[in-house]
Amino acid sequence: MFAGLVAALAYCSWPIGFLVNPALTATGLASDLEAHGQPYSWLFILLDCVTGLFALVAVGLAWLTVERWTIA
């Protein structure tokens, strides 16, 4: 559950853009925050990677706890 929460919070990191680059977020897309030359673009790229990693961990942990159905 913790991995899913971290993935969800990292995925919803675009509101940080209003703090670090308000001019871009007023007119652009959330993906523009990751564009080359934008301030803190490394942060948004890192948070995308964290989202993917923790989403995979959450799915893997869920997979381990699910009962396996067999076709008889």
C-alpha atoms as a PDB file:
ATOM      1  CA  MET A   1       0.000   0.000   0.000  1.00  0.00           C
ATOM      2  CA  PHE A   2       2.871   2.373   0.758  1.00  0.00           C
ATOM      3  CA  ALA A   3       4.323   1.844  -2.731  1.00  0.00           C
ATOM      4  CA  GLY A   4       0.983   2.742  -4.317  1.00  0.00           C
ATOM      5  CA  LEU A   5       0.708   5.866  -2.217  1.00  0.00           C
ATOM      6  CA  VAL A   6       4.208   7.014  -3.174  1.00  0.00           C
ATOM      7  CA  ALA A   7       3.459   6.335  -6.849  1.00  0.00           C
ATOM      8  CA  ALA A   8       0.207   8.307  -6.659  1.00  0.00           C
ATOM      9  CA  LEU A   9       1.830  11.282  -4.942  1.00  0.00           C
ATOM     10  CA  ALA A  10       4.744  11.352  -7.371  1.00  0.00           C
ATOM     11  CA  TYR A  11       2.331  11.113 -10.302  1.00  0.00           C
ATOM     12  CA  CYS A  12       0.382  14.107  -8.996  1.00  0.00           C
ATOM     13  CA  SER A  13       3.477  16.270  -8.702  1.00  0.00           C
ATOM     14  CA  TRP A  14       2.463  18.733 -11.433  1.00  0.00           C
ATOM     15  CA  PRO A  15       0.994  21.239  -8.922  1.00  0.00           C
ATOM     16  CA  ILE A  16       4.611  21.860  -7.874  1.00  0.00           C
ATOM     17  CA  GLY A  17       4.953  23.500 -11.283  1.00  0.00           C
ATOM     18  CA  PHE A  18       2.799  26.381 -10.096  1.00  0.00           C
ATOM     19  CA  LEU A  19       5.461  27.106  -7.487  1.00  0.00           C
ATOM     20  CA  VAL A  20       8.621  26.598  -9.534  1.00  0.00           C
ATOM     21  CA  ASN A  21       7.483  27.842 -12.947  1.00  0.00           C
ATOM     22  CA  PRO A  22       4.177  29.754 -12.770  1.00  0.00           C
ATOM     23  CA  ALA A  23       4.580  31.388 -16.197  1.00  0.00           C
ATOM     24  CA  LEU A  24       4.721  28.023 -17.965  1.00  0.00           C
ATOM     25  CA  THR A  25       1.925  26.367 -16.018  1.00  0.00           C
ATOM     26  CA  ALA A  26      -0.418  29.267 -16.777  1.00  0.00           C
ATOM     27  CA  THR A  27      -0.173  28.682 -20.530  1.00  0.00           C
ATOM     28  CA  GLY A  28       1.452  25.284 -21.131  1.00  0.00           C
ATOM     29  CA  LEU A  29       0.852  21.617 -20.487  1.00  0.00           C
ATOM     30  CA  ALA A  30       2.098  19.644 -17.511  1.00  0.00           C
ATOM     31  CA  SER A  31       4.491  17.773 -19.813  1.00  0.00           C
ATOM     32  CA  ASP A  32       6.143  21.095 -20.699  1.00  0.00           C
ATOM     33  CA  LEU A  33       7.606  21.144 -17.187  1.00  0.00           C
ATOM     34  CA  GLU A  34       9.980  18.355 -18.302  1.00  0.00           C
ATOM     35  CA  ALA A  35      11.136  20.146 -21.449  1.00  0.00           C
ATOM     36  CA  HIS A  36      14.831  20.819 -21.959  1.00  0.00           C
ATOM     37  CA  GLY A  37      15.792  24.219 -20.604  1.00  0.00           C
ATOM     38  CA  GLN A  38      12.943  24.529 -18.126  1.00  0.00           C
ATOM     39  CA  PRO A  39      13.898  25.152 -14.502  1.00  0.00           C
ATOM     40  CA  TYR A  40      13.554  22.056 -12.353  1.00  0.00           C
ATOM     41  CA  SER A  41      12.917  19.822 -15.365  1.00  0.00           C
ATOM     42  CA  TRP A  42      15.152  17.236 -13.678  1.00  0.00           C
ATOM     43  CA  LEU A  43      12.739  17.133 -10.743  1.00  0.00           C
ATOM     44  CA  PHE A  44       9.724  16.291 -12.880  1.00  0.00           C
ATOM     45  CA  ILE A  45      11.673  13.681 -14.854  1.00  0.00           C
ATOM     46  CA  LEU A  46      12.860  12.127 -11.583  1.00  0.00           C
ATOM     47  CA  LEU A  47       9.312  12.068 -10.203  1.00  0.00           C
ATOM     48  CA  ASP A  48       8.105  10.306 -13.371  1.00  0.00           C
ATOM     49  CA  CYS A  49      10.773   7.647 -12.848  1.00  0.00           C
ATOM     50  CA  VAL A  50       9.811   7.296  -9.171  1.00  0.00           C
ATOM     51  CA  THR A  51       6.175   6.908 -10.219  1.00  0.00           C
ATOM     52  CA  GLY A  52       7.019   4.085 -12.605  1.00  0.00           C
ATOM     53  CA  LEU A  53       9.256   2.298 -10.126  1.00  0.00           C
ATOM     54  CA  PHE A  54       6.797   2.414  -7.244  1.00  0.00           C
ATOM     55  CA  ALA A  55       3.868   1.488  -9.508  1.00  0.00           C
ATOM     56  CA  LEU A  56       5.778  -1.644 -10.542  1.00  0.00           C
ATOM     57  CA  VAL A  57       6.534  -2.438  -6.901  1.00  0.00           C
ATOM     58  CA  ALA A  58       2.861  -1.987  -5.968  1.00  0.00           C
ATOM     59  CA  VAL A  59       1.715  -4.263  -8.794  1.00  0.00           C
ATOM     60  CA  GLY A  60       4.338  -6.856  -7.905  1.00  0.00           C
ATOM     61  CA  LEU A  61       3.257  -6.894  -4.258  1.00  0.00           C
ATOM     62  CA  ALA A  62      -0.404  -7.138  -5.255  1.00  0.00           C
ATOM     63  CA  TRP A  63       0.436 -10.005  -7.612  1.00  0.00           C
ATOM     64  CA  LEU A  64       2.030 -11.927  -4.755  1.00  0.00           C
ATOM     65  CA  THR A  65      -1.052 -11.612  -2.554  1.00  0.00           C
ATOM     66  CA  VAL A  66      -3.709 -12.557  -5.125  1.00  0.00           C
ATOM     67  CA  GLU A  67      -5.014 -16.099  -5.071  1.00  0.00           C
ATOM     68  CA  ARG A  68      -4.203 -17.944  -8.254  1.00  0.00           C
ATOM     69  CA  TRP A  69      -7.149 -19.287 -10.192  1.00  0.00           C
ATOM     70  CA  THR A  70      -6.634 -22.494 -12.068  1.00  0.00           C
ATOM     71  CA  ILE A  71      -8.681 -23.680 -14.981  1.00  0.00           C
ATOM     72  CA  ALA A  72      -9.784 -27.229 -14.335  1.00  0.00           C
END
